[in-house]
Amino acid sequence: MSKIKLVVNNTIQQKEKEKFFIKKELQSILNLYAKMVSNGSWKDYSFTSGIKEVSFNVYQRASEKPVLRILKNLKPRYFNEKYLIKDKNGAILKKSENLNQLINKTSWNKLRLVK
């Protein structure tokens, strides 16, 4: 008979789940996206995932670079760098430890989409 191992609270499986936005995070981001599309500010989106971060990229037109990026930092150095908003040049506009606070406290209409 083969040996059977019981694995409880496997941290490897938990890390595998963290490689993308969870359902609540994605729902918050897509609600914001729907609001901004109805305003006419945003036109398209895409996702990018890597080892250190996952991002929701926003496009004003079908261009080469995203105008804004909402990032989930998978390996943050500080607790308030879990979620970031970056512009197309990579400069950090806002950062927070909570995605809902980041989305709600940002005045999206005042953020200028620079060409």
PDB file of N, CA and C in Angstrom:
ATOM      1  N   MET A   1       0.840  -1.179   0.000  1.00  0.00           N
ATOM      2  CA  MET A   1       0.000   0.000   0.000  1.00  0.00           C
ATOM      3  C   MET A   1       0.892   1.251   0.000  1.00  0.00           C
ATOM      4  N   SER A   2       0.503   2.279  -0.775  1.00  0.00           N
ATOM      5  CA  SER A   2       1.325   3.489  -0.870  1.00  0.00           C
ATOM      6  C   SER A   2       1.117   4.383   0.343  1.00  0.00           C
ATOM      7  N   LYS A   3       2.141   5.169   0.588  1.00  0.00           N
ATOM      8  CA  LYS A   3       2.060   6.095   1.719  1.00  0.00           C
ATOM      9  C   LYS A   3       1.260   7.318   1.307  1.00  0.00           C
ATOM     10  N   ILE A   4       0.347   7.729   2.158  1.00  0.00           N
ATOM     11  CA  ILE A   4      -0.495   8.885   1.894  1.00  0.00           C
ATOM     12  C   ILE A   4      -0.156   9.967   2.911  1.00  0.00           C
ATOM     13  N   LYS A   5       0.046  11.182   2.420  1.00  0.00           N
ATOM     14  CA  LYS A   5       0.349  12.307   3.293  1.00  0.00           C
ATOM     15  C   LYS A   5      -0.847  13.242   3.340  1.00  0.00           C
ATOM     16  N   LEU A   6      -1.113  13.747   4.508  1.00  0.00           N
ATOM     17  CA  LEU A   6      -2.160  14.742   4.691  1.00  0.00           C
ATOM     18  C   LEU A   6      -1.500  16.093   4.896  1.00  0.00           C
ATOM     19  N   VAL A   7      -1.818  17.038   4.032  1.00  0.00           N
ATOM     20  CA  VAL A   7      -1.227  18.367   4.113  1.00  0.00           C
ATOM     21  C   VAL A   7      -2.319  19.336   4.562  1.00  0.00           C
ATOM     22  N   VAL A   8      -2.073  19.986   5.699  1.00  0.00           N
ATOM     23  CA  VAL A   8      -3.038  20.934   6.260  1.00  0.00           C
ATOM     24  C   VAL A   8      -2.421  22.323   6.222  1.00  0.00           C
ATOM     25  N   ASN A   9      -3.236  23.301   5.829  1.00  0.00           N
ATOM     26  CA  ASN A   9      -2.788  24.695   5.746  1.00  0.00           C
ATOM     27  C   ASN A   9      -1.535  24.835   4.884  1.00  0.00           C
ATOM     28  N   ASN A  10      -1.630  24.337   3.699  1.00  0.00           N
ATOM     29  CA  ASN A  10      -0.508  24.390   2.780  1.00  0.00           C
ATOM     30  C   ASN A  10      -0.313  25.826   2.288  1.00  0.00           C
ATOM     31  N   THR A  11       0.807  26.435   2.637  1.00  0.00           N
ATOM     32  CA  THR A  11       1.060  27.834   2.268  1.00  0.00           C
ATOM     33  C   THR A  11       1.371  27.987   0.784  1.00  0.00           C
ATOM     34  N   ILE A  12       1.807  26.938   0.138  1.00  0.00           N
ATOM     35  CA  ILE A  12       2.109  27.017  -1.290  1.00  0.00           C
ATOM     36  C   ILE A  12       0.830  27.254  -2.080  1.00  0.00           C
ATOM     37  N   GLN A  13      -0.257  26.587  -1.709  1.00  0.00           N
ATOM     38  CA  GLN A  13      -1.524  26.798  -2.399  1.00  0.00           C
ATOM     39  C   GLN A  13      -2.048  28.205  -2.167  1.00  0.00           C
ATOM     40  N   GLN A  14      -1.841  28.769  -0.978  1.00  0.00           N
ATOM     41  CA  GLN A  14      -2.278  30.123  -0.702  1.00  0.00           C
ATOM     42  C   GLN A  14      -1.496  31.128  -1.535  1.00  0.00           C
ATOM     43  N   LYS A  15      -0.217  30.909  -1.729  1.00  0.00           N
ATOM     44  CA  LYS A  15       0.590  31.805  -2.552  1.00  0.00           C
ATOM     45  C   LYS A  15       0.176  31.717  -4.013  1.00  0.00           C
ATOM     46  N   GLU A  16      -0.220  30.531  -4.466  1.00  0.00           N
ATOM     47  CA  GLU A  16      -0.670  30.373  -5.847  1.00  0.00           C
ATOM     48  C   GLU A  16      -1.943  31.170  -6.102  1.00  0.00           C
ATOM     49  N   LYS A  17      -2.830  31.260  -5.118  1.00  0.00           N
ATOM     50  CA  LYS A  17      -4.067  32.011  -5.262  1.00  0.00           C
ATOM     51  C   LYS A  17      -3.799  33.508  -5.366  1.00  0.00           C
ATOM     52  N   GLU A  18      -2.742  33.990  -4.733  1.00  0.00           N
ATOM     53  CA  GLU A  18      -2.434  35.420  -4.676  1.00  0.00           C
ATOM     54  C   GLU A  18      -1.818  35.953  -5.963  1.00  0.00           C
ATOM     55  N   LYS A  19      -1.696  35.162  -7.006  1.00  0.00           N
ATOM     56  CA  LYS A  19      -1.022  35.624  -8.213  1.00  0.00           C
ATOM     57  C   LYS A  19      -1.904  36.449  -9.132  1.00  0.00           C
ATOM     58  N   PHE A  20      -3.126  36.719  -8.728  1.00  0.00           N
ATOM     59  CA  PHE A  20      -4.022  37.554  -9.513  1.00  0.00           C
ATOM     60  C   PHE A  20      -4.965  38.281  -8.568  1.00  0.00           C
ATOM     61  N   PHE A  21      -5.788  39.165  -9.097  1.00  0.00           N
ATOM     62  CA  PHE A  21      -6.771  39.843  -8.275  1.00  0.00           C
ATOM     63  C   PHE A  21      -7.813  38.843  -7.799  1.00  0.00           C
ATOM     64  N   ILE A  22      -8.224  38.962  -6.535  1.00  0.00           N
ATOM     65  CA  ILE A  22      -9.313  38.120  -6.062  1.00  0.00           C
ATOM     66  C   ILE A  22     -10.628  38.719  -6.547  1.00  0.00           C
ATOM     67  N   LYS A  23     -11.715  38.004  -6.352  1.00  0.00           N
ATOM     68  CA  LYS A  23     -12.999  38.385  -6.908  1.00  0.00           C
ATOM     69  C   LYS A  23     -13.465  39.771  -6.439  1.00  0.00           C
ATOM     70  N   LYS A  24     -13.327  40.078  -5.156  1.00  0.00           N
ATOM     71  CA  LYS A  24     -13.769  41.369  -4.624  1.00  0.00           C
ATOM     72  C   LYS A  24     -12.942  42.512  -5.194  1.00  0.00           C
ATOM     73  N   GLU A  25     -11.643  42.294  -5.343  1.00  0.00           N
ATOM     74  CA  GLU A  25     -10.770  43.319  -5.909  1.00  0.00           C
ATOM     75  C   GLU A  25     -11.138  43.591  -7.367  1.00  0.00           C
ATOM     76  N   LEU A  26     -11.323  42.520  -8.106  1.00  0.00           N
ATOM     77  CA  LEU A  26     -11.657  42.647  -9.519  1.00  0.00           C
ATOM     78  C   LEU A  26     -13.021  43.311  -9.702  1.00  0.00           C
ATOM     79  N   GLN A  27     -13.954  43.002  -8.817  1.00  0.00           N
ATOM     80  CA  GLN A  27     -15.275  43.614  -8.885  1.00  0.00           C
ATOM     81  C   GLN A  27     -15.185  45.131  -8.655  1.00  0.00           C
ATOM     82  N   SER A  28     -14.374  45.548  -7.687  1.00  0.00           N
ATOM     83  CA  SER A  28     -14.187  46.979  -7.423  1.00  0.00           C
ATOM     84  C   SER A  28     -13.558  47.689  -8.616  1.00  0.00           C
ATOM     85  N   ILE A  29     -12.564  47.060  -9.209  1.00  0.00           N
ATOM     86  CA  ILE A  29     -11.876  47.663 -10.347  1.00  0.00           C
ATOM     87  C   ILE A  29     -12.807  47.760 -11.559  1.00  0.00           C
ATOM     88  N   LEU A  30     -13.573  46.703 -11.820  1.00  0.00           N
ATOM     89  CA  LEU A  30     -14.460  46.720 -12.978  1.00  0.00           C
ATOM     90  C   LEU A  30     -15.636  47.671 -12.784  1.00  0.00           C
ATOM     91  N   ASN A  31     -16.092  47.861 -11.542  1.00  0.00           N
ATOM     92  CA  ASN A  31     -17.124  48.870 -11.278  1.00  0.00           C
ATOM     93  C   ASN A  31     -16.597  50.268 -11.589  1.00  0.00           C
ATOM     94  N   LEU A  32     -15.358  50.536 -11.181  1.00  0.00           N
ATOM     95  CA  LEU A  32     -14.724  51.809 -11.499  1.00  0.00           C
ATOM     96  C   LEU A  32     -14.576  51.961 -13.010  1.00  0.00           C
ATOM     97  N   TYR A  33     -14.162  50.909 -13.678  1.00  0.00           N
ATOM     98  CA  TYR A  33     -13.979  50.946 -15.132  1.00  0.00           C
ATOM     99  C   TYR A  33     -15.300  51.262 -15.838  1.00  0.00           C
ATOM    100  N   ALA A  34     -16.394  50.630 -15.402  1.00  0.00           N
ATOM    101  CA  ALA A  34     -17.699  50.885 -16.007  1.00  0.00           C
ATOM    102  C   ALA A  34     -18.120  52.342 -15.827  1.00  0.00           C
ATOM    103  N   LYS A  35     -17.839  52.885 -14.655  1.00  0.00           N
ATOM    104  CA  LYS A  35     -18.166  54.287 -14.378  1.00  0.00           C
ATOM    105  C   LYS A  35     -17.373  55.221 -15.292  1.00  0.00           C
ATOM    106  N   MET A  36     -16.096  54.950 -15.457  1.00  0.00           N
ATOM    107  CA  MET A  36     -15.244  55.817 -16.269  1.00  0.00           C
ATOM    108  C   MET A  36     -15.525  55.655 -17.764  1.00  0.00           C
ATOM    109  N   VAL A  37     -15.942  54.474 -18.195  1.00  0.00           N
ATOM    110  CA  VAL A  37     -16.321  54.283 -19.597  1.00  0.00           C
ATOM    111  C   VAL A  37     -17.598  55.065 -19.888  1.00  0.00           C
ATOM    112  N   SER A  38     -18.540  55.067 -18.954  1.00  0.00           N
ATOM    113  CA  SER A  38     -19.777  55.819 -19.161  1.00  0.00           C
ATOM    114  C   SER A  38     -19.512  57.327 -19.196  1.00  0.00           C
ATOM    115  N   ASN A  39     -18.471  57.797 -18.507  1.00  0.00           N
ATOM    116  CA  ASN A  39     -18.059  59.206 -18.588  1.00  0.00           C
ATOM    117  C   ASN A  39     -17.372  59.522 -19.905  1.00  0.00           C
ATOM    118  N   GLY A  40     -16.870  58.507 -20.577  1.00  0.00           N
ATOM    119  CA  GLY A  40     -16.135  58.713 -21.815  1.00  0.00           C
ATOM    120  C   GLY A  40     -14.647  58.902 -21.613  1.00  0.00           C
ATOM    121  N   SER A  41     -14.154  58.692 -20.382  1.00  0.00           N
ATOM    122  CA  SER A  41     -12.738  58.906 -20.085  1.00  0.00           C
ATOM    123  C   SER A  41     -11.865  57.735 -20.512  1.00  0.00           C
ATOM    124  N   TRP A  42     -12.334  56.533 -20.263  1.00  0.00           N
ATOM    125  CA  TRP A  42     -11.553  55.339 -20.570  1.00  0.00           C
ATOM    126  C   TRP A  42     -12.212  54.572 -21.703  1.00  0.00           C
ATOM    127  N   LYS A  43     -11.391  53.924 -22.522  1.00  0.00           N
ATOM    128  CA  LYS A  43     -11.923  53.213 -23.681  1.00  0.00           C
ATOM    129  C   LYS A  43     -11.666  51.712 -23.643  1.00  0.00           C
ATOM    130  N   ASP A  44     -10.521  51.299 -23.135  1.00  0.00           N
ATOM    131  CA  ASP A  44     -10.147  49.888 -23.193  1.00  0.00           C
ATOM    132  C   ASP A  44      -9.313  49.525 -21.979  1.00  0.00           C
ATOM    133  N   TYR A  45      -9.178  48.226 -21.726  1.00  0.00           N
ATOM    134  CA  TYR A  45      -8.365  47.760 -20.603  1.00  0.00           C
ATOM    135  C   TYR A  45      -7.661  46.463 -20.959  1.00  0.00           C
ATOM    136  N   SER A  46      -6.676  46.122 -20.154  1.00  0.00           N
ATOM    137  CA  SER A  46      -5.987  44.842 -20.277  1.00  0.00           C
ATOM    138  C   SER A  46      -5.414  44.471 -18.918  1.00  0.00           C
ATOM    139  N   PHE A  47      -4.987  43.242 -18.806  1.00  0.00           N
ATOM    140  CA  PHE A  47      -4.343  42.751 -17.596  1.00  0.00           C
ATOM    141  C   PHE A  47      -2.908  42.370 -17.911  1.00  0.00           C
ATOM    142  N   THR A  48      -2.044  42.590 -16.945  1.00  0.00           N
ATOM    143  CA  THR A  48      -0.658  42.158 -17.050  1.00  0.00           C
ATOM    144  C   THR A  48      -0.288  41.489 -15.734  1.00  0.00           C
ATOM    145  N   SER A  49       0.343  40.328 -15.814  1.00  0.00           N
ATOM    146  CA  SER A  49       0.770  39.669 -14.578  1.00  0.00           C
ATOM    147  C   SER A  49       2.237  39.315 -14.687  1.00  0.00           C
ATOM    148  N   GLY A  50       2.890  39.421 -13.555  1.00  0.00           N
ATOM    149  CA  GLY A  50       4.302  39.094 -13.476  1.00  0.00           C
ATOM    150  C   GLY A  50       4.593  38.446 -12.132  1.00  0.00           C
ATOM    151  N   ILE A  51       5.848  38.289 -11.818  1.00  0.00           N
ATOM    152  CA  ILE A  51       6.246  37.655 -10.564  1.00  0.00           C
ATOM    153  C   ILE A  51       5.983  38.587  -9.391  1.00  0.00           C
ATOM    154  N   LYS A  52       6.243  39.876  -9.566  1.00  0.00           N
ATOM    155  CA  LYS A  52       6.129  40.828  -8.464  1.00  0.00           C
ATOM    156  C   LYS A  52       4.813  41.571  -8.417  1.00  0.00           C
ATOM    157  N   GLU A  53       4.100  41.672  -9.555  1.00  0.00           N
ATOM    158  CA  GLU A  53       2.893  42.482  -9.573  1.00  0.00           C
ATOM    159  C   GLU A  53       1.903  42.004 -10.615  1.00  0.00           C
ATOM    160  N   VAL A  54       0.649  42.373 -10.377  1.00  0.00           N
ATOM    161  CA  VAL A  54      -0.438  42.149 -11.314  1.00  0.00           C
ATOM    162  C   VAL A  54      -1.058  43.519 -11.552  1.00  0.00           C
ATOM    163  N   SER A  55      -1.357  43.843 -12.801  1.00  0.00           N
ATOM    164  CA  SER A  55      -1.884  45.176 -13.057  1.00  0.00           C
ATOM    165  C   SER A  55      -3.096  45.148 -13.966  1.00  0.00           C
ATOM    166  N   PHE A  56      -3.969  46.125 -13.736  1.00  0.00           N
ATOM    167  CA  PHE A  56      -5.114  46.417 -14.574  1.00  0.00           C
ATOM    168  C   PHE A  56      -4.747  47.682 -15.332  1.00  0.00           C
ATOM    169  N   ASN A  57      -4.584  47.561 -16.635  1.00  0.00           N
ATOM    170  CA  ASN A  57      -4.110  48.664 -17.460  1.00  0.00           C
ATOM    171  C   ASN A  57      -5.280  49.343 -18.155  1.00  0.00           C
ATOM    172  N   VAL A  58      -5.294  50.658 -18.137  1.00  0.00           N
ATOM    173  CA  VAL A  58      -6.371  51.439 -18.723  1.00  0.00           C
ATOM    174  C   VAL A  58      -5.839  52.196 -19.927  1.00  0.00           C
ATOM    175  N   TYR A  59      -6.593  52.162 -21.017  1.00  0.00           N
ATOM    176  CA  TYR A  59      -6.209  52.841 -22.247  1.00  0.00           C
ATOM    177  C   TYR A  59      -7.248  53.895 -22.594  1.00  0.00           C
ATOM    178  N   GLN A  60      -6.762  55.035 -23.064  1.00  0.00           N
ATOM    179  CA  GLN A  60      -7.671  56.065 -23.543  1.00  0.00           C
ATOM    180  C   GLN A  60      -8.033  55.780 -24.997  1.00  0.00           C
ATOM    181  N   ARG A  61      -7.090  55.285 -25.742  1.00  0.00           N
ATOM    182  CA  ARG A  61      -7.284  54.839 -27.114  1.00  0.00           C
ATOM    183  C   ARG A  61      -6.489  53.554 -27.285  1.00  0.00           C
ATOM    184  N   ALA A  62      -6.593  52.961 -28.452  1.00  0.00           N
ATOM    185  CA  ALA A  62      -5.781  51.771 -28.724  1.00  0.00           C
ATOM    186  C   ALA A  62      -4.354  52.232 -28.990  1.00  0.00           C
ATOM    187  N   SER A  63      -3.600  52.414 -27.918  1.00  0.00           N
ATOM    188  CA  SER A  63      -2.226  52.914 -28.044  1.00  0.00           C
ATOM    189  C   SER A  63      -1.250  51.876 -27.515  1.00  0.00           C
ATOM    190  N   GLU A  64       0.017  52.216 -27.589  1.00  0.00           N
ATOM    191  CA  GLU A  64       1.049  51.277 -27.164  1.00  0.00           C
ATOM    192  C   GLU A  64       1.138  51.148 -25.656  1.00  0.00           C
ATOM    193  N   LYS A  65       1.037  52.263 -24.948  1.00  0.00           N
ATOM    194  CA  LYS A  65       1.200  52.241 -23.496  1.00  0.00           C
ATOM    195  C   LYS A  65      -0.121  52.513 -22.802  1.00  0.00           C
ATOM    196  N   PRO A  66      -0.352  51.868 -21.655  1.00  0.00           N
ATOM    197  CA  PRO A  66      -1.549  52.210 -20.887  1.00  0.00           C
ATOM    198  C   PRO A  66      -1.405  53.590 -20.257  1.00  0.00           C
ATOM    199  N   VAL A  67      -2.515  54.282 -20.138  1.00  0.00           N
ATOM    200  CA  VAL A  67      -2.494  55.628 -19.581  1.00  0.00           C
ATOM    201  C   VAL A  67      -2.389  55.569 -18.065  1.00  0.00           C
ATOM    202  N   LEU A  68      -3.121  54.654 -17.453  1.00  0.00           N
ATOM    203  CA  LEU A  68      -3.068  54.425 -16.004  1.00  0.00           C
ATOM    204  C   LEU A  68      -2.968  52.932 -15.743  1.00  0.00           C
ATOM    205  N   ARG A  69      -2.344  52.603 -14.617  1.00  0.00           N
ATOM    206  CA  ARG A  69      -2.242  51.205 -14.209  1.00  0.00           C
ATOM    207  C   ARG A  69      -2.614  51.089 -12.733  1.00  0.00           C
ATOM    208  N   ILE A  70      -3.530  50.177 -12.423  1.00  0.00           N
ATOM    209  CA  ILE A  70      -3.865  49.858 -11.038  1.00  0.00           C
ATOM    210  C   ILE A  70      -3.153  48.549 -10.734  1.00  0.00           C
ATOM    211  N   LEU A  71      -2.202  48.600  -9.809  1.00  0.00           N
ATOM    212  CA  LEU A  71      -1.342  47.452  -9.552  1.00  0.00           C
ATOM    213  C   LEU A  71      -1.624  46.819  -8.204  1.00  0.00           C
ATOM    214  N   LYS A  72      -1.493  45.506  -8.167  1.00  0.00           N
ATOM    215  CA  LYS A  72      -1.462  44.758  -6.908  1.00  0.00           C
ATOM    216  C   LYS A  72      -0.030  44.260  -6.777  1.00  0.00           C
ATOM    217  N   ASN A  73       0.667  44.792  -5.789  1.00  0.00           N
ATOM    218  CA  ASN A  73       2.057  44.434  -5.562  1.00  0.00           C
ATOM    219  C   ASN A  73       2.089  43.142  -4.761  1.00  0.00           C
ATOM    220  N   LEU A  74       2.614  42.062  -5.344  1.00  0.00           N
ATOM    221  CA  LEU A  74       2.630  40.761  -4.681  1.00  0.00           C
ATOM    222  C   LEU A  74       3.737  40.651  -3.643  1.00  0.00           C
ATOM    223  N   LYS A  75       4.772  41.466  -3.773  1.00  0.00           N
ATOM    224  CA  LYS A  75       5.881  41.454  -2.818  1.00  0.00           C
ATOM    225  C   LYS A  75       6.185  42.878  -2.361  1.00  0.00           C
ATOM    226  N   PRO A  76       5.273  43.484  -1.583  1.00  0.00           N
ATOM    227  CA  PRO A  76       5.505  44.877  -1.175  1.00  0.00           C
ATOM    228  C   PRO A  76       6.598  44.990  -0.124  1.00  0.00           C
ATOM    229  N   ARG A  77       7.362  46.074  -0.196  1.00  0.00           N
ATOM    230  CA  ARG A  77       8.385  46.335   0.814  1.00  0.00           C
ATOM    231  C   ARG A  77       7.755  46.909   2.074  1.00  0.00           C
ATOM    232  N   TYR A  78       6.745  47.756   1.889  1.00  0.00           N
ATOM    233  CA  TYR A  78       6.052  48.391   3.002  1.00  0.00           C
ATOM    234  C   TYR A  78       4.577  48.036   2.925  1.00  0.00           C
ATOM    235  N   PHE A  79       3.878  48.101   4.057  1.00  0.00           N
ATOM    236  CA  PHE A  79       2.487  47.663   4.097  1.00  0.00           C
ATOM    237  C   PHE A  79       1.577  48.537   3.240  1.00  0.00           C
ATOM    238  N   ASN A  80       1.914  49.821   3.058  1.00  0.00           N
ATOM    239  CA  ASN A  80       1.041  50.694   2.282  1.00  0.00           C
ATOM    240  C   ASN A  80       1.339  50.658   0.783  1.00  0.00           C
ATOM    241  N   GLU A  81       2.178  49.763   0.340  1.00  0.00           N
ATOM    242  CA  GLU A  81       2.479  49.620  -1.078  1.00  0.00           C
ATOM    243  C   GLU A  81       1.864  48.364  -1.681  1.00  0.00           C
ATOM    244  N   LYS A  82       0.803  47.864  -1.072  1.00  0.00           N
ATOM    245  CA  LYS A  82       0.128  46.667  -1.593  1.00  0.00           C
ATOM    246  C   LYS A  82      -0.589  46.981  -2.905  1.00  0.00           C
ATOM    247  N   TYR A  83      -1.249  48.146  -2.972  1.00  0.00           N
ATOM    248  CA  TYR A  83      -1.962  48.573  -4.175  1.00  0.00           C
ATOM    249  C   TYR A  83      -1.430  49.939  -4.600  1.00  0.00           C
ATOM    250  N   LEU A  84      -1.187  50.081  -5.895  1.00  0.00           N
ATOM    251  CA  LEU A  84      -0.604  51.310  -6.427  1.00  0.00           C
ATOM    252  C   LEU A  84      -1.377  51.771  -7.657  1.00  0.00           C
ATOM    253  N   ILE A  85      -1.333  53.069  -7.907  1.00  0.00           N
ATOM    254  CA  ILE A  85      -1.801  53.637  -9.165  1.00  0.00           C
ATOM    255  C   ILE A  85      -0.599  54.323  -9.789  1.00  0.00           C
ATOM    256  N   LYS A  86      -0.278  53.913 -11.017  1.00  0.00           N
ATOM    257  CA  LYS A  86       0.861  54.489 -11.725  1.00  0.00           C
ATOM    258  C   LYS A  86       0.397  55.113 -13.028  1.00  0.00           C
ATOM    259  N   ASP A  87       1.124  56.143 -13.464  1.00  0.00           N
ATOM    260  CA  ASP A  87       0.829  56.737 -14.758  1.00  0.00           C
ATOM    261  C   ASP A  87       1.604  55.995 -15.845  1.00  0.00           C
ATOM    262  N   LYS A  88       1.520  56.497 -17.072  1.00  0.00           N
ATOM    263  CA  LYS A  88       2.151  55.760 -18.176  1.00  0.00           C
ATOM    264  C   LYS A  88       3.668  55.802 -18.141  1.00  0.00           C
ATOM    265  N   ASN A  89       4.249  56.741 -17.388  1.00  0.00           N
ATOM    266  CA  ASN A  89       5.700  56.813 -17.254  1.00  0.00           C
ATOM    267  C   ASN A  89       6.221  55.968 -16.098  1.00  0.00           C
ATOM    268  N   GLY A  90       5.324  55.391 -15.302  1.00  0.00           N
ATOM    269  CA  GLY A  90       5.724  54.550 -14.192  1.00  0.00           C
ATOM    270  C   GLY A  90       5.798  55.268 -12.860  1.00  0.00           C
ATOM    271  N   ALA A  91       5.430  56.533 -12.827  1.00  0.00           N
ATOM    272  CA  ALA A  91       5.442  57.289 -11.572  1.00  0.00           C
ATOM    273  C   ALA A  91       4.240  56.898 -10.718  1.00  0.00           C
ATOM    274  N   ILE A  92       4.468  56.723  -9.428  1.00  0.00           N
ATOM    275  CA  ILE A  92       3.401  56.332  -8.513  1.00  0.00           C
ATOM    276  C   ILE A  92       2.566  57.566  -8.183  1.00  0.00           C
ATOM    277  N   LEU A  93       1.269  57.502  -8.498  1.00  0.00           N
ATOM    278  CA  LEU A  93       0.349  58.592  -8.206  1.00  0.00           C
ATOM    279  C   LEU A  93      -0.254  58.436  -6.811  1.00  0.00           C
ATOM    280  N   LYS A  94      -0.661  57.219  -6.478  1.00  0.00           N
ATOM    281  CA  LYS A  94      -1.256  56.929  -5.167  1.00  0.00           C
ATOM    282  C   LYS A  94      -0.856  55.521  -4.761  1.00  0.00           C
ATOM    283  N   LYS A  95      -0.858  55.285  -3.431  1.00  0.00           N
ATOM    284  CA  LYS A  95      -0.601  53.946  -2.918  1.00  0.00           C
ATOM    285  C   LYS A  95      -1.399  53.740  -1.637  1.00  0.00           C
ATOM    286  N   SER A  96      -1.755  52.479  -1.372  1.00  0.00           N
ATOM    287  CA  SER A  96      -2.563  52.169  -0.200  1.00  0.00           C
ATOM    288  C   SER A  96      -2.441  50.687   0.122  1.00  0.00           C
ATOM    289  N   GLU A  97      -2.864  50.344   1.329  1.00  0.00           N
ATOM    290  CA  GLU A  97      -2.894  48.934   1.715  1.00  0.00           C
ATOM    291  C   GLU A  97      -4.247  48.310   1.437  1.00  0.00           C
ATOM    292  N   ASN A  98      -5.259  49.144   1.096  1.00  0.00           N
ATOM    293  CA  ASN A  98      -6.611  48.667   0.841  1.00  0.00           C
ATOM    294  C   ASN A  98      -7.060  49.189  -0.521  1.00  0.00           C
ATOM    295  N   LEU A  99      -7.487  48.277  -1.384  1.00  0.00           N
ATOM    296  CA  LEU A  99      -7.874  48.657  -2.737  1.00  0.00           C
ATOM    297  C   LEU A  99      -9.136  49.517  -2.749  1.00  0.00           C
ATOM    298  N   ASN A 100     -10.125  49.184  -1.945  1.00  0.00           N
ATOM    299  CA  ASN A 100     -11.363  49.956  -1.923  1.00  0.00           C
ATOM    300  C   ASN A 100     -11.117  51.389  -1.475  1.00  0.00           C
ATOM    301  N   GLN A 101     -10.267  51.579  -0.481  1.00  0.00           N
ATOM    302  CA  GLN A 101      -9.924  52.927  -0.044  1.00  0.00           C
ATOM    303  C   GLN A 101      -9.191  53.683  -1.145  1.00  0.00           C
ATOM    304  N   LEU A 102      -8.311  53.005  -1.829  1.00  0.00           N
ATOM    305  CA  LEU A 102      -7.555  53.629  -2.917  1.00  0.00           C
ATOM    306  C   LEU A 102      -8.488  54.095  -4.026  1.00  0.00           C
ATOM    307  N   ILE A 103      -9.438  53.267  -4.397  1.00  0.00           N
ATOM    308  CA  ILE A 103     -10.376  53.614  -5.462  1.00  0.00           C
ATOM    309  C   ILE A 103     -11.329  54.720  -5.016  1.00  0.00           C
ATOM    310  N   ASN A 104     -11.840  54.626  -3.793  1.00  0.00           N
ATOM    311  CA  ASN A 104     -12.829  55.598  -3.322  1.00  0.00           C
ATOM    312  C   ASN A 104     -12.221  56.965  -3.021  1.00  0.00           C
ATOM    313  N   LYS A 105     -10.988  57.018  -2.533  1.00  0.00           N
ATOM    314  CA  LYS A 105     -10.373  58.291  -2.162  1.00  0.00           C
ATOM    315  C   LYS A 105      -9.718  59.017  -3.332  1.00  0.00           C
ATOM    316  N   THR A 106      -9.559  58.344  -4.442  1.00  0.00           N
ATOM    317  CA  THR A 106      -8.952  58.971  -5.609  1.00  0.00           C
ATOM    318  C   THR A 106     -10.024  59.712  -6.387  1.00  0.00           C
ATOM    319  N   SER A 107      -9.773  60.969  -6.682  1.00  0.00           N
ATOM    320  CA  SER A 107     -10.702  61.729  -7.516  1.00  0.00           C
ATOM    321  C   SER A 107     -10.308  61.484  -8.971  1.00  0.00           C
ATOM    322  N   TRP A 108     -10.988  60.561  -9.614  1.00  0.00           N
ATOM    323  CA  TRP A 108     -10.624  60.084 -10.939  1.00  0.00           C
ATOM    324  C   TRP A 108     -10.831  61.146 -12.004  1.00  0.00           C
ATOM    325  N   ASN A 109     -11.780  62.027 -11.805  1.00  0.00           N
ATOM    326  CA  ASN A 109     -12.021  63.067 -12.807  1.00  0.00           C
ATOM    327  C   ASN A 109     -10.912  64.110 -12.815  1.00  0.00           C
ATOM    328  N   LYS A 110     -10.217  64.280 -11.682  1.00  0.00           N
ATOM    329  CA  LYS A 110      -9.129  65.253 -11.613  1.00  0.00           C
ATOM    330  C   LYS A 110      -7.813  64.708 -12.133  1.00  0.00           C
ATOM    331  N   LEU A 111      -7.703  63.378 -12.237  1.00  0.00           N
ATOM    332  CA  LEU A 111      -6.485  62.801 -12.806  1.00  0.00           C
ATOM    333  C   LEU A 111      -6.483  63.068 -14.304  1.00  0.00           C
ATOM    334  N   ARG A 112      -5.494  63.732 -14.750  1.00  0.00           N
ATOM    335  CA  ARG A 112      -5.394  64.064 -16.164  1.00  0.00           C
ATOM    336  C   ARG A 112      -4.709  62.939 -16.923  1.00  0.00           C
ATOM    337  N   LEU A 113      -5.326  62.513 -18.000  1.00  0.00           N
ATOM    338  CA  LEU A 113      -4.725  61.508 -18.854  1.00  0.00           C
ATOM    339  C   LEU A 113      -3.837  62.234 -19.857  1.00  0.00           C
ATOM    340  N   VAL A 114      -2.531  62.152 -19.641  1.00  0.00           N
ATOM    341  CA  VAL A 114      -1.572  62.896 -20.460  1.00  0.00           C
ATOM    342  C   VAL A 114      -1.253  62.097 -21.711  1.00  0.00           C
ATOM    343  N   LYS A 115      -1.255  62.792 -22.835  1.00  0.00           N
ATOM    344  CA  LYS A 115      -0.944  62.128 -24.110  1.00  0.00           C
ATOM    345  C   LYS A 115       0.536  61.973 -24.291  1.00  0.00           C
TER     346      LYS A 115
END
